[in-house]
Amino acid sequence: MDQSLCRIKIRIKDSFIPLIETKLGSKSVKNFDEVDTYLKVPVKGRAEKISESQGKVNYETVTKEGNHFRIDIRPLTSKDKAALMRKRSVEVVLNKKCSLYNAVGAQVMIDRIEELGTFIVIESENAAVAEQVARKLGFDAPQYVVYPDDILKR
């Protein structure tokens, strides 16, 4: 099933994690590893990646929309992934340790990304809800990361 989400990403210091976990309530946390394989894209301002976590493989298109990113997601079968990898070259591979929390109308992740640092990621089907959650956690638009992860690593 295809899905479209708004994503806000904010770089944080590890020392902020306990405060954020307190605000989110650590009882609902789910921890997992994720691997994002960014593909070379000829279109500026857009990123494409294969995201693998929790036994699922998705193809994601990331585009900038104002203060957030629009993420269009569709599941990939192993056959589709293999075909895509034969056609496209890899730009960047990111390994993450993720902690997932549920907030009202959104999901919040603490992503620890090798070589990049720690980020809060807020995802919702509604951009206004994602921004409201960010404000409740103490963040606002000037603190948002404005580039996809593949650009940050280059």
N, C-alpha and C. Protein backbone atom coordinates (compact mmCIF):
# COMPACT_ATOMS: atom_id res chain seq x y z
N MET A 1 0.84 -1.18 0.00
CA MET A 1 0.00 0.00 0.00
C MET A 1 0.88 1.25 0.00
N ASP A 2 0.68 2.11 -0.97
CA ASP A 2 1.45 3.34 -1.05
C ASP A 2 0.99 4.31 0.04
N GLN A 3 1.92 5.13 0.49
CA GLN A 3 1.63 6.05 1.59
C GLN A 3 2.42 7.33 1.36
N SER A 4 1.88 8.45 1.84
CA SER A 4 2.57 9.72 1.76
C SER A 4 2.59 10.35 3.14
N LEU A 5 3.77 10.78 3.58
CA LEU A 5 3.94 11.35 4.91
C LEU A 5 4.69 12.67 4.86
N CYS A 6 4.44 13.49 5.85
CA CYS A 6 5.24 14.68 6.10
C CYS A 6 6.31 14.28 7.10
N ARG A 7 7.57 14.69 6.86
CA ARG A 7 8.65 14.36 7.78
C ARG A 7 9.40 15.63 8.16
N ILE A 8 9.58 15.81 9.46
CA ILE A 8 10.40 16.89 9.99
C ILE A 8 11.59 16.23 10.68
N LYS A 9 12.78 16.74 10.41
CA LYS A 9 13.99 16.17 11.01
C LYS A 9 14.75 17.29 11.70
N ILE A 10 15.22 16.99 12.93
CA ILE A 10 15.93 17.98 13.74
C ILE A 10 17.16 17.32 14.33
N ARG A 11 18.32 17.92 14.12
CA ARG A 11 19.56 17.40 14.71
C ARG A 11 19.57 17.77 16.19
N ILE A 12 19.91 16.80 17.04
CA ILE A 12 19.96 17.06 18.48
C ILE A 12 21.26 16.53 19.08
N LYS A 13 21.57 17.01 20.26
CA LYS A 13 22.68 16.45 21.03
C LYS A 13 22.15 15.25 21.80
N ASP A 14 22.99 14.26 21.99
CA ASP A 14 22.57 13.06 22.73
C ASP A 14 22.08 13.40 24.14
N SER A 15 22.60 14.49 24.70
CA SER A 15 22.19 14.87 26.05
C SER A 15 20.72 15.29 26.13
N PHE A 16 20.10 15.61 24.98
CA PHE A 16 18.68 15.98 24.95
C PHE A 16 17.75 14.76 24.97
N ILE A 17 18.27 13.58 24.68
CA ILE A 17 17.43 12.39 24.55
C ILE A 17 16.60 12.11 25.81
N PRO A 18 17.17 12.12 27.01
CA PRO A 18 16.33 11.84 28.19
C PRO A 18 15.15 12.81 28.34
N LEU A 19 15.37 14.07 28.05
CA LEU A 19 14.28 15.06 28.15
C LEU A 19 13.18 14.75 27.12
N ILE A 20 13.58 14.43 25.91
CA ILE A 20 12.61 14.11 24.86
C ILE A 20 11.87 12.83 25.20
N GLU A 21 12.60 11.82 25.68
CA GLU A 21 11.95 10.56 26.08
C GLU A 21 10.94 10.81 27.20
N THR A 22 11.24 11.69 28.12
CA THR A 22 10.30 12.02 29.19
C THR A 22 9.04 12.65 28.61
N LYS A 23 9.20 13.56 27.67
CA LYS A 23 8.04 14.20 27.05
C LYS A 23 7.21 13.21 26.24
N LEU A 24 7.88 12.23 25.61
CA LEU A 24 7.17 11.25 24.78
C LEU A 24 6.61 10.09 25.58
N GLY A 25 7.18 9.80 26.73
CA GLY A 25 6.76 8.64 27.51
C GLY A 25 7.43 7.39 26.97
N SER A 26 8.44 6.92 27.65
CA SER A 26 9.27 5.82 27.12
C SER A 26 8.60 4.45 27.21
N LYS A 27 7.37 4.36 27.70
CA LYS A 27 6.70 3.06 27.78
C LYS A 27 6.36 2.51 26.40
N SER A 28 6.14 3.38 25.44
CA SER A 28 5.71 2.93 24.11
C SER A 28 6.85 2.80 23.11
N VAL A 29 8.07 2.79 23.57
CA VAL A 29 9.21 2.78 22.66
C VAL A 29 9.40 1.43 21.99
N LYS A 30 9.80 1.48 20.71
CA LYS A 30 10.15 0.28 19.95
C LYS A 30 11.51 0.56 19.32
N ASN A 31 12.49 -0.30 19.56
CA ASN A 31 13.85 -0.11 19.04
C ASN A 31 14.10 -1.06 17.87
N PHE A 32 14.78 -0.54 16.84
CA PHE A 32 15.11 -1.37 15.68
C PHE A 32 16.25 -0.73 14.91
N ASP A 33 16.86 -1.52 14.02
CA ASP A 33 17.90 -1.03 13.12
C ASP A 33 17.27 -0.75 11.76
N GLU A 34 17.87 0.19 11.03
CA GLU A 34 17.38 0.52 9.69
C GLU A 34 18.57 0.80 8.80
N VAL A 35 18.45 0.41 7.55
CA VAL A 35 19.47 0.72 6.54
C VAL A 35 18.78 1.47 5.41
N ASP A 36 19.28 2.66 5.10
CA ASP A 36 18.76 3.46 4.00
C ASP A 36 19.81 3.51 2.91
N THR A 37 19.45 3.06 1.73
CA THR A 37 20.33 3.08 0.57
C THR A 37 19.83 4.16 -0.38
N TYR A 38 20.54 5.29 -0.43
CA TYR A 38 20.16 6.38 -1.31
C TYR A 38 20.68 6.11 -2.72
N LEU A 39 19.83 6.33 -3.70
CA LEU A 39 20.17 6.09 -5.09
C LEU A 39 20.52 7.41 -5.77
N LYS A 40 21.38 7.35 -6.80
CA LYS A 40 21.73 8.56 -7.55
C LYS A 40 20.47 9.04 -8.27
N VAL A 41 20.21 10.35 -8.14
CA VAL A 41 19.01 10.94 -8.72
C VAL A 41 19.43 12.13 -9.59
N PRO A 42 18.95 12.16 -10.84
CA PRO A 42 19.30 13.27 -11.72
C PRO A 42 18.53 14.56 -11.43
N VAL A 43 17.52 14.49 -10.58
CA VAL A 43 16.66 15.64 -10.30
C VAL A 43 17.13 16.34 -9.02
N LYS A 44 17.42 17.63 -9.11
CA LYS A 44 17.86 18.40 -7.94
C LYS A 44 16.68 18.59 -6.98
N GLY A 45 16.98 18.55 -5.67
CA GLY A 45 15.95 18.77 -4.67
C GLY A 45 15.10 17.56 -4.37
N ARG A 46 15.55 16.41 -4.81
CA ARG A 46 14.80 15.18 -4.59
C ARG A 46 15.78 14.07 -4.25
N ALA A 47 15.37 13.19 -3.36
CA ALA A 47 16.18 12.02 -3.03
C ALA A 47 15.31 10.78 -3.17
N GLU A 48 15.93 9.68 -3.52
CA GLU A 48 15.24 8.40 -3.61
C GLU A 48 16.06 7.39 -2.84
N LYS A 49 15.36 6.54 -2.09
CA LYS A 49 16.09 5.57 -1.29
C LYS A 49 15.30 4.28 -1.13
N ILE A 50 16.06 3.25 -0.80
CA ILE A 50 15.48 1.97 -0.40
C ILE A 50 15.70 1.88 1.10
N SER A 51 14.62 1.77 1.84
CA SER A 51 14.69 1.73 3.30
C SER A 51 14.33 0.32 3.77
N GLU A 52 15.21 -0.25 4.58
CA GLU A 52 15.00 -1.61 5.07
C GLU A 52 15.02 -1.63 6.59
N SER A 53 13.89 -2.04 7.17
CA SER A 53 13.81 -2.17 8.63
C SER A 53 12.64 -3.05 9.01
N GLN A 54 12.78 -3.71 10.12
CA GLN A 54 11.74 -4.55 10.70
C GLN A 54 11.16 -5.55 9.70
N GLY A 55 12.03 -6.08 8.84
CA GLY A 55 11.61 -7.08 7.87
C GLY A 55 10.87 -6.53 6.67
N LYS A 56 10.80 -5.20 6.53
CA LYS A 56 10.10 -4.57 5.41
C LYS A 56 11.10 -3.81 4.55
N VAL A 57 10.83 -3.79 3.25
CA VAL A 57 11.64 -3.03 2.31
C VAL A 57 10.71 -2.06 1.58
N ASN A 58 11.08 -0.78 1.61
CA ASN A 58 10.27 0.25 0.94
C ASN A 58 11.12 1.08 0.01
N TYR A 59 10.50 1.58 -1.03
CA TYR A 59 11.11 2.57 -1.92
C TYR A 59 10.50 3.91 -1.54
N GLU A 60 11.35 4.90 -1.22
CA GLU A 60 10.87 6.19 -0.76
C GLU A 60 11.41 7.31 -1.65
N THR A 61 10.52 8.22 -2.00
CA THR A 61 10.90 9.43 -2.72
C THR A 61 10.77 10.59 -1.74
N VAL A 62 11.84 11.37 -1.59
CA VAL A 62 11.88 12.46 -0.62
C VAL A 62 11.96 13.79 -1.38
N THR A 63 10.97 14.67 -1.15
CA THR A 63 10.99 15.98 -1.78
C THR A 63 10.77 17.05 -0.71
N LYS A 64 11.41 18.19 -0.88
CA LYS A 64 11.31 19.29 0.07
C LYS A 64 10.01 20.04 -0.17
N GLU A 65 9.26 20.31 0.91
CA GLU A 65 8.03 21.10 0.84
C GLU A 65 8.01 22.06 2.02
N GLY A 66 8.40 23.29 1.78
CA GLY A 66 8.41 24.27 2.87
C GLY A 66 9.39 23.88 3.96
N ASN A 67 8.88 23.76 5.20
CA ASN A 67 9.72 23.43 6.35
C ASN A 67 9.90 21.93 6.57
N HIS A 68 9.33 21.11 5.70
CA HIS A 68 9.39 19.67 5.92
C HIS A 68 9.66 18.94 4.61
N PHE A 69 9.73 17.63 4.71
CA PHE A 69 9.89 16.78 3.54
C PHE A 69 8.60 16.01 3.31
N ARG A 70 8.26 15.80 2.04
CA ARG A 70 7.16 14.91 1.68
C ARG A 70 7.81 13.59 1.32
N ILE A 71 7.36 12.53 1.97
CA ILE A 71 7.92 11.19 1.75
C ILE A 71 6.83 10.34 1.11
N ASP A 72 7.04 9.92 -0.12
CA ASP A 72 6.12 9.00 -0.78
C ASP A 72 6.73 7.61 -0.69
N ILE A 73 5.97 6.68 -0.14
CA ILE A 73 6.48 5.35 0.21
C ILE A 73 5.68 4.28 -0.52
N ARG A 74 6.41 3.33 -1.09
CA ARG A 74 5.72 2.14 -1.61
C ARG A 74 6.56 0.91 -1.28
N PRO A 75 5.89 -0.18 -0.92
CA PRO A 75 6.62 -1.41 -0.58
C PRO A 75 7.35 -1.96 -1.80
N LEU A 76 8.47 -2.63 -1.54
CA LEU A 76 9.26 -3.27 -2.59
C LEU A 76 9.38 -4.76 -2.29
N THR A 77 9.17 -5.56 -3.29
CA THR A 77 9.46 -6.99 -3.15
C THR A 77 10.96 -7.18 -3.36
N SER A 78 11.48 -8.32 -2.99
CA SER A 78 12.92 -8.56 -3.20
C SER A 78 13.25 -8.56 -4.70
N LYS A 79 12.33 -9.01 -5.52
CA LYS A 79 12.54 -9.01 -6.97
C LYS A 79 12.60 -7.56 -7.50
N ASP A 80 11.68 -6.72 -7.03
CA ASP A 80 11.68 -5.31 -7.44
C ASP A 80 12.94 -4.59 -6.96
N LYS A 81 13.37 -4.90 -5.74
CA LYS A 81 14.58 -4.28 -5.20
C LYS A 81 15.79 -4.66 -6.05
N ALA A 82 15.90 -5.93 -6.39
CA ALA A 82 17.04 -6.39 -7.19
C ALA A 82 17.05 -5.71 -8.56
N ALA A 83 15.88 -5.55 -9.18
CA ALA A 83 15.79 -4.90 -10.48
C ALA A 83 16.19 -3.43 -10.37
N LEU A 84 15.72 -2.76 -9.33
CA LEU A 84 16.05 -1.35 -9.12
C LEU A 84 17.55 -1.17 -8.89
N MET A 85 18.15 -2.04 -8.10
CA MET A 85 19.58 -1.95 -7.80
C MET A 85 20.43 -2.21 -9.05
N ARG A 86 19.92 -3.01 -9.99
CA ARG A 86 20.65 -3.24 -11.24
C ARG A 86 20.60 -2.00 -12.12
N LYS A 87 19.49 -1.26 -12.07
CA LYS A 87 19.31 -0.08 -12.93
C LYS A 87 19.97 1.18 -12.40
N ARG A 88 20.05 1.31 -11.08
CA ARG A 88 20.48 2.56 -10.46
C ARG A 88 21.75 2.35 -9.64
N SER A 89 22.57 3.36 -9.58
CA SER A 89 23.78 3.26 -8.75
C SER A 89 23.51 3.86 -7.38
N VAL A 90 24.30 3.41 -6.42
CA VAL A 90 24.13 3.82 -5.02
C VAL A 90 24.94 5.09 -4.76
N GLU A 91 24.30 6.05 -4.11
CA GLU A 91 24.96 7.30 -3.73
C GLU A 91 25.54 7.18 -2.32
N VAL A 92 24.71 6.77 -1.35
CA VAL A 92 25.10 6.73 0.05
C VAL A 92 24.31 5.63 0.75
N VAL A 93 24.96 4.93 1.69
CA VAL A 93 24.26 3.97 2.55
C VAL A 93 24.39 4.46 3.99
N LEU A 94 23.25 4.55 4.67
CA LEU A 94 23.23 5.01 6.06
C LEU A 94 22.71 3.90 6.96
N ASN A 95 23.42 3.65 8.05
CA ASN A 95 22.99 2.68 9.05
C ASN A 95 22.47 3.44 10.25
N LYS A 96 21.29 3.06 10.72
CA LYS A 96 20.64 3.78 11.82
C LYS A 96 20.25 2.84 12.94
N LYS A 97 20.25 3.38 14.13
CA LYS A 97 19.63 2.76 15.31
C LYS A 97 18.45 3.66 15.63
N CYS A 98 17.26 3.10 15.60
CA CYS A 98 16.05 3.90 15.75
C CYS A 98 15.27 3.51 17.00
N SER A 99 14.68 4.51 17.62
CA SER A 99 13.73 4.32 18.72
C SER A 99 12.45 5.01 18.29
N LEU A 100 11.36 4.26 18.23
CA LEU A 100 10.09 4.76 17.72
C LEU A 100 9.10 4.98 18.86
N TYR A 101 8.48 6.15 18.86
CA TYR A 101 7.46 6.52 19.85
C TYR A 101 6.20 6.95 19.11
N ASN A 102 5.05 6.75 19.71
CA ASN A 102 3.80 7.22 19.14
C ASN A 102 3.37 8.49 19.85
N ALA A 103 3.01 9.49 19.07
CA ALA A 103 2.44 10.73 19.59
C ALA A 103 1.06 10.86 18.95
N VAL A 104 0.24 11.74 19.45
CA VAL A 104 -1.10 11.91 18.89
C VAL A 104 -0.99 12.38 17.44
N GLY A 105 -1.41 11.53 16.51
CA GLY A 105 -1.41 11.87 15.09
C GLY A 105 -0.07 11.78 14.39
N ALA A 106 0.96 11.32 15.09
CA ALA A 106 2.30 11.28 14.49
C ALA A 106 3.14 10.17 15.13
N GLN A 107 4.21 9.84 14.45
CA GLN A 107 5.23 8.97 15.03
C GLN A 107 6.49 9.80 15.18
N VAL A 108 7.20 9.57 16.27
CA VAL A 108 8.44 10.28 16.55
C VAL A 108 9.55 9.24 16.69
N MET A 109 10.65 9.46 15.98
CA MET A 109 11.79 8.56 16.07
C MET A 109 13.01 9.33 16.55
N ILE A 110 13.79 8.67 17.34
CA ILE A 110 15.14 9.16 17.63
C ILE A 110 16.05 8.28 16.79
N ASP A 111 16.70 8.89 15.80
CA ASP A 111 17.59 8.18 14.89
C ASP A 111 19.03 8.49 15.24
N ARG A 112 19.80 7.44 15.51
CA ARG A 112 21.24 7.59 15.69
C ARG A 112 21.88 7.07 14.40
N ILE A 113 22.42 7.99 13.61
CA ILE A 113 22.92 7.64 12.29
C ILE A 113 24.45 7.66 12.32
N GLU A 114 25.05 6.53 11.94
CA GLU A 114 26.50 6.45 11.91
C GLU A 114 27.06 7.59 11.07
N GLU A 115 28.08 8.24 11.54
CA GLU A 115 28.81 9.31 10.88
C GLU A 115 28.04 10.63 10.76
N LEU A 116 26.76 10.68 11.13
CA LEU A 116 26.00 11.93 11.01
C LEU A 116 25.55 12.49 12.35
N GLY A 117 25.23 11.62 13.29
CA GLY A 117 24.78 12.10 14.58
C GLY A 117 23.38 11.62 14.93
N THR A 118 22.74 12.35 15.83
CA THR A 118 21.43 11.96 16.36
C THR A 118 20.39 12.98 15.91
N PHE A 119 19.23 12.46 15.54
CA PHE A 119 18.15 13.29 15.01
C PHE A 119 16.82 12.87 15.62
N ILE A 120 15.93 13.85 15.75
CA ILE A 120 14.52 13.59 16.04
C ILE A 120 13.82 13.63 14.69
N VAL A 121 13.01 12.63 14.38
CA VAL A 121 12.25 12.60 13.14
C VAL A 121 10.78 12.49 13.50
N ILE A 122 9.98 13.41 13.00
CA ILE A 122 8.54 13.43 13.27
C ILE A 122 7.84 13.19 11.95
N GLU A 123 6.98 12.17 11.91
CA GLU A 123 6.26 11.83 10.68
C GLU A 123 4.77 11.81 10.94
N SER A 124 4.03 12.41 10.02
CA SER A 124 2.57 12.41 10.10
C SER A 124 2.01 12.54 8.69
N GLU A 125 0.78 12.12 8.51
CA GLU A 125 0.12 12.33 7.23
C GLU A 125 -0.25 13.80 7.06
N ASN A 126 -0.21 14.56 8.14
CA ASN A 126 -0.62 15.96 8.14
C ASN A 126 0.55 16.83 8.60
N ALA A 127 0.98 17.77 7.74
CA ALA A 127 2.12 18.63 8.05
C ALA A 127 1.88 19.47 9.30
N ALA A 128 0.65 19.97 9.48
CA ALA A 128 0.34 20.80 10.66
C ALA A 128 0.49 19.99 11.95
N VAL A 129 0.10 18.72 11.92
CA VAL A 129 0.23 17.86 13.10
C VAL A 129 1.71 17.64 13.41
N ALA A 130 2.51 17.37 12.38
CA ALA A 130 3.95 17.16 12.59
C ALA A 130 4.58 18.40 13.21
N GLU A 131 4.23 19.58 12.72
CA GLU A 131 4.78 20.81 13.27
C GLU A 131 4.30 21.05 14.70
N GLN A 132 3.07 20.68 15.00
CA GLN A 132 2.55 20.82 16.37
C GLN A 132 3.32 19.92 17.33
N VAL A 133 3.60 18.70 16.93
CA VAL A 133 4.38 17.78 17.77
C VAL A 133 5.79 18.34 17.98
N ALA A 134 6.40 18.87 16.92
CA ALA A 134 7.73 19.47 17.06
C ALA A 134 7.72 20.60 18.09
N ARG A 135 6.70 21.45 18.04
CA ARG A 135 6.61 22.56 19.01
C ARG A 135 6.43 22.03 20.43
N LYS A 136 5.61 20.98 20.59
CA LYS A 136 5.41 20.40 21.92
C LYS A 136 6.70 19.83 22.48
N LEU A 137 7.58 19.37 21.60
CA LEU A 137 8.87 18.84 22.03
C LEU A 137 9.90 19.96 22.23
N GLY A 138 9.53 21.19 21.90
CA GLY A 138 10.41 22.34 22.13
C GLY A 138 11.21 22.79 20.91
N PHE A 139 10.80 22.39 19.71
CA PHE A 139 11.52 22.74 18.49
C PHE A 139 10.63 23.55 17.57
N ASP A 140 11.27 24.40 16.74
CA ASP A 140 10.51 25.13 15.74
C ASP A 140 11.26 25.14 14.41
N ALA A 141 10.64 25.69 13.38
CA ALA A 141 11.13 25.59 12.00
C ALA A 141 12.60 25.95 11.79
N PRO A 142 13.13 27.00 12.43
CA PRO A 142 14.55 27.31 12.17
C PRO A 142 15.51 26.19 12.58
N GLN A 143 15.05 25.25 13.41
CA GLN A 143 15.91 24.14 13.84
C GLN A 143 15.80 22.92 12.94
N TYR A 144 14.86 22.92 11.99
CA TYR A 144 14.65 21.76 11.14
C TYR A 144 15.82 21.55 10.18
N VAL A 145 16.17 20.31 9.93
CA VAL A 145 17.18 19.96 8.93
C VAL A 145 16.52 20.15 7.56
N VAL A 146 17.19 20.87 6.67
CA VAL A 146 16.57 21.21 5.39
C VAL A 146 17.10 20.40 4.21
N TYR A 147 17.97 19.42 4.47
CA TYR A 147 18.50 18.59 3.41
C TYR A 147 18.26 17.12 3.72
N PRO A 148 18.01 16.31 2.69
CA PRO A 148 17.92 14.86 2.93
C PRO A 148 19.25 14.32 3.44
N ASP A 149 19.21 13.18 4.10
CA ASP A 149 20.41 12.59 4.73
C ASP A 149 21.54 12.32 3.75
N ASP A 150 21.20 11.98 2.50
CA ASP A 150 22.26 11.66 1.54
C ASP A 150 23.16 12.87 1.31
N ILE A 151 22.60 14.08 1.29
CA ILE A 151 23.40 15.29 1.10
C ILE A 151 24.24 15.57 2.34
N LEU A 152 23.67 15.31 3.53
CA LEU A 152 24.42 15.55 4.76
C LEU A 152 25.67 14.69 4.84
N LYS A 153 25.62 13.49 4.30
CA LYS A 153 26.76 12.59 4.43
C LYS A 153 27.85 12.89 3.40
N ARG A 154 27.50 13.48 2.28
CA ARG A 154 28.50 13.75 1.23
C ARG A 154 29.47 14.81 1.61
